Amino acid sequence: MSFWENVDVELEYLGMNRTALANAAGFSISNIGKGIQKGSSPSADTAVKIAKILGVSVEYLVTGTTPPSRQKEMDFHALRNYHKYAKTIEDLDALPTHEREPIIEMISKMKEKQEN
């Protein structure tokens, strides 16, 4: 994942949005959009500010390697989501392939829309 994708993961985890991050870091929200469009990472000093605000390392934001201190929390989050949606997953899995595939495709398209 890219720097900004990792930032988005952390923002979601913290319940923040890009505007709040930009305000806390002292730069314009448009700077985030420009970085995402260009596929570039911010300058080192900006990356350090962002990492401090999010409570992670710059290395994590650049490489996507989960910091050991957060792994346990992320595992718990994944497990909680599994339990939350286990019945839905079972129901989906029980459908015949020709009925299941359009549902999965619809979910994928919805996710793509949200990401763009």
PDB file of N, CA and C in Angstrom:
ATOM      1  N   MET A   1       0.841  -1.184   0.000  1.00  0.00           N
ATOM      2  CA  MET A   1       0.000   0.000   0.000  1.00  0.00           C
ATOM      3  C   MET A   1       0.884   1.245   0.000  1.00  0.00           C
ATOM      4  N   SER A   2       0.335   2.316  -0.496  1.00  0.00           N
ATOM      5  CA  SER A   2       1.075   3.566  -0.571  1.00  0.00           C
ATOM      6  C   SER A   2       1.039   4.306   0.774  1.00  0.00           C
ATOM      7  N   PHE A   3       1.857   5.324   0.866  1.00  0.00           N
ATOM      8  CA  PHE A   3       1.892   6.171   2.064  1.00  0.00           C
ATOM      9  C   PHE A   3       0.487   6.638   2.423  1.00  0.00           C
ATOM     10  N   TRP A   4      -0.223   7.194   1.441  1.00  0.00           N
ATOM     11  CA  TRP A   4      -1.534   7.778   1.725  1.00  0.00           C
ATOM     12  C   TRP A   4      -2.579   6.720   2.032  1.00  0.00           C
ATOM     13  N   GLU A   5      -2.461   5.539   1.450  1.00  0.00           N
ATOM     14  CA  GLU A   5      -3.371   4.454   1.800  1.00  0.00           C
ATOM     15  C   GLU A   5      -3.162   4.040   3.253  1.00  0.00           C
ATOM     16  N   ASN A   6      -1.900   3.985   3.679  1.00  0.00           N
ATOM     17  CA  ASN A   6      -1.617   3.665   5.078  1.00  0.00           C
ATOM     18  C   ASN A   6      -2.129   4.761   6.009  1.00  0.00           C
ATOM     19  N   VAL A   7      -2.021   6.002   5.575  1.00  0.00           N
ATOM     20  CA  VAL A   7      -2.583   7.116   6.357  1.00  0.00           C
ATOM     21  C   VAL A   7      -4.092   6.926   6.497  1.00  0.00           C
ATOM     22  N   ASP A   8      -4.759   6.591   5.396  1.00  0.00           N
ATOM     23  CA  ASP A   8      -6.212   6.400   5.444  1.00  0.00           C
ATOM     24  C   ASP A   8      -6.614   5.270   6.390  1.00  0.00           C
ATOM     25  N   VAL A   9      -5.834   4.189   6.412  1.00  0.00           N
ATOM     26  CA  VAL A   9      -6.106   3.082   7.332  1.00  0.00           C
ATOM     27  C   VAL A   9      -6.036   3.577   8.769  1.00  0.00           C
ATOM     28  N   GLU A  10      -5.019   4.351   9.074  1.00  0.00           N
ATOM     29  CA  GLU A  10      -4.858   4.874  10.434  1.00  0.00           C
ATOM     30  C   GLU A  10      -5.938   5.889  10.773  1.00  0.00           C
ATOM     31  N   LEU A  11      -6.309   6.716   9.809  1.00  0.00           N
ATOM     32  CA  LEU A  11      -7.379   7.684  10.052  1.00  0.00           C
ATOM     33  C   LEU A  11      -8.672   6.958  10.402  1.00  0.00           C
ATOM     34  N   GLU A  12      -8.976   5.919   9.654  1.00  0.00           N
ATOM     35  CA  GLU A  12     -10.188   5.145   9.941  1.00  0.00           C
ATOM     36  C   GLU A  12     -10.103   4.520  11.323  1.00  0.00           C
ATOM     37  N   TYR A  13      -8.956   3.969  11.640  1.00  0.00           N
ATOM     38  CA  TYR A  13      -8.758   3.338  12.945  1.00  0.00           C
ATOM     39  C   TYR A  13      -8.992   4.337  14.074  1.00  0.00           C
ATOM     40  N   LEU A  14      -8.525   5.569  13.873  1.00  0.00           N
ATOM     41  CA  LEU A  14      -8.646   6.597  14.908  1.00  0.00           C
ATOM     42  C   LEU A  14      -9.970   7.357  14.846  1.00  0.00           C
ATOM     43  N   GLY A  15     -10.770   7.082  13.812  1.00  0.00           N
ATOM     44  CA  GLY A  15     -12.032   7.801  13.669  1.00  0.00           C
ATOM     45  C   GLY A  15     -11.832   9.240  13.231  1.00  0.00           C
ATOM     46  N   MET A  16     -10.757   9.490  12.516  1.00  0.00           N
ATOM     47  CA  MET A  16     -10.455  10.838  12.012  1.00  0.00           C
ATOM     48  C   MET A  16     -10.713  10.880  10.509  1.00  0.00           C
ATOM     49  N   ASN A  17     -10.720  12.087   9.960  1.00  0.00           N
ATOM     50  CA  ASN A  17     -10.789  12.226   8.520  1.00  0.00           C
ATOM     51  C   ASN A  17      -9.598  13.040   8.033  1.00  0.00           C
ATOM     52  N   ARG A  18      -9.472  13.143   6.729  1.00  0.00           N
ATOM     53  CA  ARG A  18      -8.314  13.850   6.146  1.00  0.00           C
ATOM     54  C   ARG A  18      -8.292  15.326   6.526  1.00  0.00           C
ATOM     55  N   THR A  19      -9.459  15.925   6.634  1.00  0.00           N
ATOM     56  CA  THR A  19      -9.522  17.339   7.008  1.00  0.00           C
ATOM     57  C   THR A  19      -8.959  17.549   8.409  1.00  0.00           C
ATOM     58  N   ALA A  20      -9.338  16.684   9.346  1.00  0.00           N
ATOM     59  CA  ALA A  20      -8.829  16.792  10.710  1.00  0.00           C
ATOM     60  C   ALA A  20      -7.313  16.604  10.730  1.00  0.00           C
ATOM     61  N   LEU A  21      -6.825  15.672   9.931  1.00  0.00           N
ATOM     62  CA  LEU A  21      -5.380  15.453   9.853  1.00  0.00           C
ATOM     63  C   LEU A  21      -4.677  16.690   9.312  1.00  0.00           C
ATOM     64  N   ALA A  22      -5.193  17.234   8.223  1.00  0.00           N
ATOM     65  CA  ALA A  22      -4.582  18.426   7.628  1.00  0.00           C
ATOM     66  C   ALA A  22      -4.570  19.584   8.618  1.00  0.00           C
ATOM     67  N   ASN A  23      -5.669  19.779   9.325  1.00  0.00           N
ATOM     68  CA  ASN A  23      -5.730  20.858  10.316  1.00  0.00           C
ATOM     69  C   ASN A  23      -4.721  20.641  11.439  1.00  0.00           C
ATOM     70  N   ALA A  24      -4.632  19.405  11.926  1.00  0.00           N
ATOM     71  CA  ALA A  24      -3.703  19.103  13.019  1.00  0.00           C
ATOM     72  C   ALA A  24      -2.248  19.249  12.581  1.00  0.00           C
ATOM     73  N   ALA A  25      -1.973  18.936  11.309  1.00  0.00           N
ATOM     74  CA  ALA A  25      -0.601  19.007  10.802  1.00  0.00           C
ATOM     75  C   ALA A  25      -0.247  20.400  10.290  1.00  0.00           C
ATOM     76  N   GLY A  26      -1.248  21.257  10.139  1.00  0.00           N
ATOM     77  CA  GLY A  26      -0.997  22.622   9.708  1.00  0.00           C
ATOM     78  C   GLY A  26      -0.785  22.779   8.211  1.00  0.00           C
ATOM     79  N   PHE A  27      -1.475  21.962   7.420  1.00  0.00           N
ATOM     80  CA  PHE A  27      -1.415  22.146   5.976  1.00  0.00           C
ATOM     81  C   PHE A  27      -2.804  21.988   5.383  1.00  0.00           C
ATOM     82  N   SER A  28      -2.932  22.317   4.116  1.00  0.00           N
ATOM     83  CA  SER A  28      -4.219  22.304   3.441  1.00  0.00           C
ATOM     84  C   SER A  28      -4.637  20.886   3.059  1.00  0.00           C
ATOM     85  N   ILE A  29      -5.920  20.609   3.143  1.00  0.00           N
ATOM     86  CA  ILE A  29      -6.460  19.326   2.729  1.00  0.00           C
ATOM     87  C   ILE A  29      -6.145  19.068   1.259  1.00  0.00           C
ATOM     88  N   SER A  30      -6.051  20.123   0.456  1.00  0.00           N
ATOM     89  CA  SER A  30      -5.743  19.941  -0.967  1.00  0.00           C
ATOM     90  C   SER A  30      -4.357  19.326  -1.167  1.00  0.00           C
ATOM     91  N   ASN A  31      -3.450  19.542  -0.212  1.00  0.00           N
ATOM     92  CA  ASN A  31      -2.119  18.937  -0.310  1.00  0.00           C
ATOM     93  C   ASN A  31      -2.207  17.413  -0.267  1.00  0.00           C
ATOM     94  N   ILE A  32      -3.129  16.896   0.524  1.00  0.00           N
ATOM     95  CA  ILE A  32      -3.313  15.448   0.596  1.00  0.00           C
ATOM     96  C   ILE A  32      -3.828  14.947  -0.751  1.00  0.00           C
ATOM     97  N   GLY A  33      -4.818  15.629  -1.295  1.00  0.00           N
ATOM     98  CA  GLY A  33      -5.365  15.241  -2.593  1.00  0.00           C
ATOM     99  C   GLY A  33      -4.315  15.258  -3.690  1.00  0.00           C
ATOM    100  N   LYS A  34      -3.473  16.275  -3.676  1.00  0.00           N
ATOM    101  CA  LYS A  34      -2.410  16.367  -4.685  1.00  0.00           C
ATOM    102  C   LYS A  34      -1.426  15.209  -4.536  1.00  0.00           C
ATOM    103  N   GLY A  35      -1.076  14.887  -3.291  1.00  0.00           N
ATOM    104  CA  GLY A  35      -0.156  13.774  -3.054  1.00  0.00           C
ATOM    105  C   GLY A  35      -0.734  12.456  -3.520  1.00  0.00           C
ATOM    106  N   ILE A  36      -2.019  12.255  -3.282  1.00  0.00           N
ATOM    107  CA  ILE A  36      -2.688  11.022  -3.707  1.00  0.00           C
ATOM    108  C   ILE A  36      -2.721  10.950  -5.227  1.00  0.00           C
ATOM    109  N   GLN A  37      -3.097  12.058  -5.883  1.00  0.00           N
ATOM    110  CA  GLN A  37      -3.164  12.071  -7.348  1.00  0.00           C
ATOM    111  C   GLN A  37      -1.808  11.801  -7.981  1.00  0.00           C
ATOM    112  N   LYS A  38      -0.768  12.376  -7.410  1.00  0.00           N
ATOM    113  CA  LYS A  38       0.580  12.189  -7.958  1.00  0.00           C
ATOM    114  C   LYS A  38       1.186  10.848  -7.557  1.00  0.00           C
ATOM    115  N   GLY A  39       0.585  10.202  -6.560  1.00  0.00           N
ATOM    116  CA  GLY A  39       1.147   8.955  -6.066  1.00  0.00           C
ATOM    117  C   GLY A  39       2.452   9.171  -5.332  1.00  0.00           C
ATOM    118  N   SER A  40       2.579  10.337  -4.707  1.00  0.00           N
ATOM    119  CA  SER A  40       3.836  10.674  -4.040  1.00  0.00           C
ATOM    120  C   SER A  40       3.665  10.733  -2.525  1.00  0.00           C
ATOM    121  N   SER A  41       4.770  10.606  -1.863  1.00  0.00           N
ATOM    122  CA  SER A  41       4.802  10.756  -0.406  1.00  0.00           C
ATOM    123  C   SER A  41       5.153  12.204  -0.085  1.00  0.00           C
ATOM    124  N   PRO A  42       4.778  12.672   1.090  1.00  0.00           N
ATOM    125  CA  PRO A  42       5.098  14.053   1.462  1.00  0.00           C
ATOM    126  C   PRO A  42       6.582  14.188   1.810  1.00  0.00           C
ATOM    127  N   SER A  43       6.984  15.419   2.036  1.00  0.00           N
ATOM    128  CA  SER A  43       8.359  15.662   2.474  1.00  0.00           C
ATOM    129  C   SER A  43       8.583  14.980   3.820  1.00  0.00           C
ATOM    130  N   ALA A  44       9.844  14.787   4.179  1.00  0.00           N
ATOM    131  CA  ALA A  44      10.174  14.091   5.418  1.00  0.00           C
ATOM    132  C   ALA A  44       9.577  14.787   6.635  1.00  0.00           C
ATOM    133  N   ASP A  45       9.657  16.106   6.696  1.00  0.00           N
ATOM    134  CA  ASP A  45       9.135  16.805   7.876  1.00  0.00           C
ATOM    135  C   ASP A  45       7.615  16.687   7.973  1.00  0.00           C
ATOM    136  N   THR A  46       6.929  16.705   6.837  1.00  0.00           N
ATOM    137  CA  THR A  46       5.480  16.529   6.851  1.00  0.00           C
ATOM    138  C   THR A  46       5.118  15.094   7.238  1.00  0.00           C
ATOM    139  N   ALA A  47       5.871  14.132   6.725  1.00  0.00           N
ATOM    140  CA  ALA A  47       5.625  12.728   7.072  1.00  0.00           C
ATOM    141  C   ALA A  47       5.804  12.513   8.573  1.00  0.00           C
ATOM    142  N   VAL A  48       6.791  13.157   9.166  1.00  0.00           N
ATOM    143  CA  VAL A  48       7.018  13.044  10.619  1.00  0.00           C
ATOM    144  C   VAL A  48       5.833  13.631  11.373  1.00  0.00           C
ATOM    145  N   LYS A  49       5.338  14.793  10.953  1.00  0.00           N
ATOM    146  CA  LYS A  49       4.169  15.413  11.598  1.00  0.00           C
ATOM    147  C   LYS A  49       2.965  14.473  11.533  1.00  0.00           C
ATOM    148  N   ILE A  50       2.733  13.924  10.349  1.00  0.00           N
ATOM    149  CA  ILE A  50       1.580  13.034  10.155  1.00  0.00           C
ATOM    150  C   ILE A  50       1.714  11.802  11.038  1.00  0.00           C
ATOM    151  N   ALA A  51       2.902  11.214  11.053  1.00  0.00           N
ATOM    152  CA  ALA A  51       3.132  10.013  11.868  1.00  0.00           C
ATOM    153  C   ALA A  51       2.882  10.298  13.346  1.00  0.00           C
ATOM    154  N   LYS A  52       3.342  11.443  13.823  1.00  0.00           N
ATOM    155  CA  LYS A  52       3.131  11.797  15.239  1.00  0.00           C
ATOM    156  C   LYS A  52       1.650  11.957  15.552  1.00  0.00           C
ATOM    157  N   ILE A  53       0.934  12.607  14.659  1.00  0.00           N
ATOM    158  CA  ILE A  53      -0.506  12.805  14.870  1.00  0.00           C
ATOM    159  C   ILE A  53      -1.224  11.458  14.919  1.00  0.00           C
ATOM    160  N   LEU A  54      -0.827  10.538  14.039  1.00  0.00           N
ATOM    161  CA  LEU A  54      -1.480   9.234  13.962  1.00  0.00           C
ATOM    162  C   LEU A  54      -0.962   8.238  14.992  1.00  0.00           C
ATOM    163  N   GLY A  55       0.144   8.571  15.634  1.00  0.00           N
ATOM    164  CA  GLY A  55       0.709   7.682  16.658  1.00  0.00           C
ATOM    165  C   GLY A  55       1.383   6.453  16.088  1.00  0.00           C
ATOM    166  N   VAL A  56       1.954   6.605  14.888  1.00  0.00           N
ATOM    167  CA  VAL A  56       2.682   5.505  14.254  1.00  0.00           C
ATOM    168  C   VAL A  56       4.032   6.021  13.780  1.00  0.00           C
ATOM    169  N   SER A  57       4.856   5.121  13.283  1.00  0.00           N
ATOM    170  CA  SER A  57       6.160   5.528  12.769  1.00  0.00           C
ATOM    171  C   SER A  57       6.056   5.933  11.303  1.00  0.00           C
ATOM    172  N   VAL A  58       7.005   6.739  10.873  1.00  0.00           N
ATOM    173  CA  VAL A  58       7.092   7.096   9.463  1.00  0.00           C
ATOM    174  C   VAL A  58       7.367   5.827   8.655  1.00  0.00           C
ATOM    175  N   GLU A  59       8.193   4.953   9.203  1.00  0.00           N
ATOM    176  CA  GLU A  59       8.496   3.692   8.526  1.00  0.00           C
ATOM    177  C   GLU A  59       7.215   2.924   8.222  1.00  0.00           C
ATOM    178  N   TYR A  60       6.316   2.871   9.180  1.00  0.00           N
ATOM    179  CA  TYR A  60       5.046   2.179   8.954  1.00  0.00           C
ATOM    180  C   TYR A  60       4.261   2.832   7.820  1.00  0.00           C
ATOM    181  N   LEU A  61       4.185   4.154   7.818  1.00  0.00           N
ATOM    182  CA  LEU A  61       3.424   4.840   6.777  1.00  0.00           C
ATOM    183  C   LEU A  61       4.030   4.609   5.391  1.00  0.00           C
ATOM    184  N   VAL A  62       5.348   4.504   5.332  1.00  0.00           N
ATOM    185  CA  VAL A  62       6.025   4.298   4.048  1.00  0.00           C
ATOM    186  C   VAL A  62       5.961   2.840   3.606  1.00  0.00           C
ATOM    187  N   THR A  63       6.212   1.911   4.537  1.00  0.00           N
ATOM    188  CA  THR A  63       6.325   0.495   4.164  1.00  0.00           C
ATOM    189  C   THR A  63       5.050  -0.301   4.366  1.00  0.00           C
ATOM    190  N   GLY A  64       4.186   0.161   5.258  1.00  0.00           N
ATOM    191  CA  GLY A  64       2.968  -0.587   5.555  1.00  0.00           C
ATOM    192  C   GLY A  64       3.164  -1.693   6.557  1.00  0.00           C
ATOM    193  N   THR A  65       4.383  -1.821   7.090  1.00  0.00           N
ATOM    194  CA  THR A  65       4.654  -2.841   8.094  1.00  0.00           C
ATOM    195  C   THR A  65       3.992  -2.420   9.394  1.00  0.00           C
ATOM    196  N   THR A  66       3.123  -3.264   9.892  1.00  0.00           N
ATOM    197  CA  THR A  66       2.369  -2.939  11.090  1.00  0.00           C
ATOM    198  C   THR A  66       3.281  -2.876  12.302  1.00  0.00           C
ATOM    199  N   PRO A  67       3.237  -1.781  13.028  1.00  0.00           N
ATOM    200  CA  PRO A  67       4.048  -1.694  14.232  1.00  0.00           C
ATOM    201  C   PRO A  67       3.609  -2.749  15.240  1.00  0.00           C
ATOM    202  N   PRO A  68       4.555  -3.428  15.887  1.00  0.00           N
ATOM    203  CA  PRO A  68       4.188  -4.486  16.831  1.00  0.00           C
ATOM    204  C   PRO A  68       3.200  -4.028  17.898  1.00  0.00           C
ATOM    205  N   SER A  69       3.295  -2.783  18.321  1.00  0.00           N
ATOM    206  CA  SER A  69       2.400  -2.289  19.367  1.00  0.00           C
ATOM    207  C   SER A  69       0.947  -2.235  18.904  1.00  0.00           C
ATOM    208  N   ARG A  70       0.720  -2.135  17.602  1.00  0.00           N
ATOM    209  CA  ARG A  70      -0.643  -2.040  17.079  1.00  0.00           C
ATOM    210  C   ARG A  70      -1.178  -3.380  16.586  1.00  0.00           C
ATOM    211  N   GLN A  71      -0.283  -4.373  16.387  1.00  0.00           N
ATOM    212  CA  GLN A  71      -0.714  -5.641  15.802  1.00  0.00           C
ATOM    213  C   GLN A  71      -1.808  -6.300  16.630  1.00  0.00           C
ATOM    214  N   LYS A  72      -1.654  -6.318  17.947  1.00  0.00           N
ATOM    215  CA  LYS A  72      -2.646  -6.957  18.800  1.00  0.00           C
ATOM    216  C   LYS A  72      -3.996  -6.254  18.669  1.00  0.00           C
ATOM    217  N   GLU A  73      -3.981  -4.920  18.648  1.00  0.00           N
ATOM    218  CA  GLU A  73      -5.216  -4.163  18.496  1.00  0.00           C
ATOM    219  C   GLU A  73      -5.858  -4.430  17.140  1.00  0.00           C
ATOM    220  N   MET A  74      -5.037  -4.517  16.082  1.00  0.00           N
ATOM    221  CA  MET A  74      -5.569  -4.764  14.743  1.00  0.00           C
ATOM    222  C   MET A  74      -6.134  -6.172  14.646  1.00  0.00           C
ATOM    223  N   ASP A  75      -5.470  -7.145  15.291  1.00  0.00           N
ATOM    224  CA  ASP A  75      -5.981  -8.509  15.308  1.00  0.00           C
ATOM    225  C   ASP A  75      -7.346  -8.548  15.985  1.00  0.00           C
ATOM    226  N   PHE A  76      -7.486  -7.822  17.083  1.00  0.00           N
ATOM    227  CA  PHE A  76      -8.762  -7.761  17.796  1.00  0.00           C
ATOM    228  C   PHE A  76      -9.831  -7.142  16.902  1.00  0.00           C
ATOM    229  N   HIS A  77      -9.474  -6.068  16.198  1.00  0.00           N
ATOM    230  CA  HIS A  77     -10.412  -5.390  15.304  1.00  0.00           C
ATOM    231  C   HIS A  77     -10.874  -6.351  14.203  1.00  0.00           C
ATOM    232  N   ALA A  78      -9.955  -7.088  13.606  1.00  0.00           N
ATOM    233  CA  ALA A  78     -10.302  -8.045  12.551  1.00  0.00           C
ATOM    234  C   ALA A  78     -11.207  -9.146  13.099  1.00  0.00           C
ATOM    235  N   LEU A  79     -10.896  -9.619  14.291  1.00  0.00           N
ATOM    236  CA  LEU A  79     -11.702 -10.671  14.906  1.00  0.00           C
ATOM    237  C   LEU A  79     -13.109 -10.155  15.214  1.00  0.00           C
ATOM    238  N   ARG A  80     -13.190  -8.932  15.715  1.00  0.00           N
ATOM    239  CA  ARG A  80     -14.484  -8.328  16.007  1.00  0.00           C
ATOM    240  C   ARG A  80     -15.319  -8.204  14.737  1.00  0.00           C
ATOM    241  N   ASN A  81     -14.684  -7.772  13.645  1.00  0.00           N
ATOM    242  CA  ASN A  81     -15.402  -7.668  12.379  1.00  0.00           C
ATOM    243  C   ASN A  81     -15.829  -9.028  11.865  1.00  0.00           C
ATOM    244  N   TYR A  82     -14.991 -10.042  12.037  1.00  0.00           N
ATOM    245  CA  TYR A  82     -15.364 -11.385  11.606  1.00  0.00           C
ATOM    246  C   TYR A  82     -16.628 -11.831  12.338  1.00  0.00           C
ATOM    247  N   HIS A  83     -16.634 -11.662  13.650  1.00  0.00           N
ATOM    248  CA  HIS A  83     -17.812 -12.073  14.429  1.00  0.00           C
ATOM    249  C   HIS A  83     -19.050 -11.264  14.033  1.00  0.00           C
ATOM    250  N   LYS A  84     -18.845 -10.003  13.738  1.00  0.00           N
ATOM    251  CA  LYS A  84     -19.952  -9.135  13.362  1.00  0.00           C
ATOM    252  C   LYS A  84     -20.602  -9.598  12.056  1.00  0.00           C
ATOM    253  N   TYR A  85     -19.784 -10.080  11.109  1.00  0.00           N
ATOM    254  CA  TYR A  85     -20.290 -10.432   9.791  1.00  0.00           C
ATOM    255  C   TYR A  85     -20.258 -11.932   9.493  1.00  0.00           C
ATOM    256  N   ALA A  86     -19.986 -12.762  10.475  1.00  0.00           N
ATOM    257  CA  ALA A  86     -19.861 -14.207  10.250  1.00  0.00           C
ATOM    258  C   ALA A  86     -21.129 -14.807   9.649  1.00  0.00           C
ATOM    259  N   LYS A  87     -22.280 -14.449  10.180  1.00  0.00           N
ATOM    260  CA  LYS A  87     -23.545 -14.994   9.683  1.00  0.00           C
ATOM    261  C   LYS A  87     -23.778 -14.572   8.233  1.00  0.00           C
ATOM    262  N   THR A  88     -23.478 -13.329   7.919  1.00  0.00           N
ATOM    263  CA  THR A  88     -23.642 -12.845   6.550  1.00  0.00           C
ATOM    264  C   THR A  88     -22.707 -13.593   5.605  1.00  0.00           C
ATOM    265  N   ILE A  89     -21.487 -13.826   6.037  1.00  0.00           N
ATOM    266  CA  ILE A  89     -20.526 -14.572   5.224  1.00  0.00           C
ATOM    267  C   ILE A  89     -21.021 -16.001   5.002  1.00  0.00           C
ATOM    268  N   GLU A  90     -21.530 -16.624   6.040  1.00  0.00           N
ATOM    269  CA  GLU A  90     -22.071 -17.982   5.917  1.00  0.00           C
ATOM    270  C   GLU A  90     -23.250 -18.010   4.941  1.00  0.00           C
ATOM    271  N   ASP A  91     -24.139 -17.030   5.056  1.00  0.00           N
ATOM    272  CA  ASP A  91     -25.297 -16.963   4.160  1.00  0.00           C
ATOM    273  C   ASP A  91     -24.846 -16.766   2.707  1.00  0.00           C
ATOM    274  N   LEU A  92     -23.891 -15.900   2.509  1.00  0.00           N
ATOM    275  CA  LEU A  92     -23.372 -15.651   1.171  1.00  0.00           C
ATOM    276  C   LEU A  92     -22.721 -16.912   0.604  1.00  0.00           C
ATOM    277  N   ASP A  93     -21.950 -17.582   1.433  1.00  0.00           N
ATOM    278  CA  ASP A  93     -21.269 -18.799   1.008  1.00  0.00           C
ATOM    279  C   ASP A  93     -22.257 -19.913   0.665  1.00  0.00           C
ATOM    280  N   ALA A  94     -23.421 -19.901   1.283  1.00  0.00           N
ATOM    281  CA  ALA A  94     -24.425 -20.940   1.039  1.00  0.00           C
ATOM    282  C   ALA A  94     -25.166 -20.749  -0.287  1.00  0.00           C
ATOM    283  N   LEU A  95     -25.081 -19.554  -0.855  1.00  0.00           N
ATOM    284  CA  LEU A  95     -25.757 -19.299  -2.127  1.00  0.00           C
ATOM    285  C   LEU A  95     -25.059 -20.028  -3.271  1.00  0.00           C
ATOM    286  N   PRO A  96     -25.814 -20.375  -4.285  1.00  0.00           N
ATOM    287  CA  PRO A  96     -25.177 -20.949  -5.477  1.00  0.00           C
ATOM    288  C   PRO A  96     -24.247 -19.901  -6.110  1.00  0.00           C
ATOM    289  N   THR A  97     -23.214 -20.361  -6.762  1.00  0.00           N
ATOM    290  CA  THR A  97     -22.208 -19.464  -7.338  1.00  0.00           C
ATOM    291  C   THR A  97     -22.833 -18.393  -8.225  1.00  0.00           C
ATOM    292  N   HIS A  98     -23.790 -18.752  -9.050  1.00  0.00           N
ATOM    293  CA  HIS A  98     -24.379 -17.786  -9.977  1.00  0.00           C
ATOM    294  C   HIS A  98     -25.159 -16.680  -9.255  1.00  0.00           C
ATOM    295  N   GLU A  99     -25.575 -16.914  -8.017  1.00  0.00           N
ATOM    296  CA  GLU A  99     -26.238 -15.874  -7.226  1.00  0.00           C
ATOM    297  C   GLU A  99     -25.238 -15.106  -6.363  1.00  0.00           C
ATOM    298  N   ARG A 100     -24.206 -15.789  -5.903  1.00  0.00           N
ATOM    299  CA  ARG A 100     -23.203 -15.176  -5.032  1.00  0.00           C
ATOM    300  C   ARG A 100     -22.322 -14.188  -5.790  1.00  0.00           C
ATOM    301  N   GLU A 101     -21.887 -14.535  -7.003  1.00  0.00           N
ATOM    302  CA  GLU A 101     -20.937 -13.701  -7.748  1.00  0.00           C
ATOM    303  C   GLU A 101     -21.438 -12.280  -8.013  1.00  0.00           C
ATOM    304  N   PRO A 102     -22.702 -12.085  -8.411  1.00  0.00           N
ATOM    305  CA  PRO A 102     -23.164 -10.700  -8.622  1.00  0.00           C
ATOM    306  C   PRO A 102     -23.158  -9.864  -7.332  1.00  0.00           C
ATOM    307  N   ILE A 103     -23.406 -10.496  -6.210  1.00  0.00           N
ATOM    308  CA  ILE A 103     -23.392  -9.779  -4.930  1.00  0.00           C
ATOM    309  C   ILE A 103     -21.968  -9.338  -4.611  1.00  0.00           C
ATOM    310  N   ILE A 104     -21.025 -10.241  -4.777  1.00  0.00           N
ATOM    311  CA  ILE A 104     -19.618  -9.917  -4.515  1.00  0.00           C
ATOM    312  C   ILE A 104     -19.138  -8.825  -5.473  1.00  0.00           C
ATOM    313  N   GLU A 105     -19.551  -8.919  -6.727  1.00  0.00           N
ATOM    314  CA  GLU A 105     -19.178  -7.904  -7.717  1.00  0.00           C
ATOM    315  C   GLU A 105     -19.755  -6.539  -7.338  1.00  0.00           C
ATOM    316  N   MET A 106     -21.009  -6.515  -6.872  1.00  0.00           N
ATOM    317  CA  MET A 106     -21.640  -5.266  -6.459  1.00  0.00           C
ATOM    318  C   MET A 106     -20.879  -4.639  -5.281  1.00  0.00           C
ATOM    319  N   ILE A 107     -20.495  -5.459  -4.310  1.00  0.00           N
ATOM    320  CA  ILE A 107     -19.750  -4.957  -3.158  1.00  0.00           C
ATOM    321  C   ILE A 107     -18.411  -4.388  -3.606  1.00  0.00           C
ATOM    322  N   SER A 108     -17.736  -5.087  -4.517  1.00  0.00           N
ATOM    323  CA  SER A 108     -16.445  -4.603  -5.028  1.00  0.00           C
ATOM    324  C   SER A 108     -16.597  -3.255  -5.724  1.00  0.00           C
ATOM    325  N   LYS A 109     -17.646  -3.113  -6.525  1.00  0.00           N
ATOM    326  CA  LYS A 109     -17.883  -1.845  -7.219  1.00  0.00           C
ATOM    327  C   LYS A 109     -18.193  -0.718  -6.250  1.00  0.00           C
ATOM    328  N   MET A 110     -18.939  -1.022  -5.197  1.00  0.00           N
ATOM    329  CA  MET A 110     -19.256  -0.011  -4.191  1.00  0.00           C
ATOM    330  C   MET A 110     -17.981   0.440  -3.471  1.00  0.00           C
ATOM    331  N   LYS A 111     -17.125  -0.511  -3.173  1.00  0.00           N
ATOM    332  CA  LYS A 111     -15.861  -0.186  -2.495  1.00  0.00           C
ATOM    333  C   LYS A 111     -14.977   0.683  -3.393  1.00  0.00           C
ATOM    334  N   GLU A 112     -14.900   0.339  -4.677  1.00  0.00           N
ATOM    335  CA  GLU A 112     -14.124   1.134  -5.624  1.00  0.00           C
ATOM    336  C   GLU A 112     -14.640   2.562  -5.683  1.00  0.00           C
ATOM    337  N   LYS A 113     -15.969   2.728  -5.682  1.00  0.00           N
ATOM    338  CA  LYS A 113     -16.573   4.056  -5.713  1.00  0.00           C
ATOM    339  C   LYS A 113     -16.154   4.870  -4.496  1.00  0.00           C
ATOM    340  N   GLN A 114     -16.146   4.242  -3.333  1.00  0.00           N
ATOM    341  CA  GLN A 114     -15.776   4.927  -2.095  1.00  0.00           C
ATOM    342  C   GLN A 114     -14.317   5.336  -2.111  1.00  0.00           C
ATOM    343  N   GLU A 115     -13.471   4.524  -2.708  1.00  0.00           N
ATOM    344  CA  GLU A 115     -12.044   4.806  -2.729  1.00  0.00           C
ATOM    345  C   GLU A 115     -11.699   5.932  -3.704  1.00  0.00           C
ATOM    346  N   ASN A 116     -12.563   6.154  -4.687  1.00  0.00           N
ATOM    347  CA  ASN A 116     -12.296   7.211  -5.681  1.00  0.00           C
ATOM    348  C   ASN A 116     -12.950   8.481  -5.312  1.00  0.00           C
TER     349      ASN A 116
END
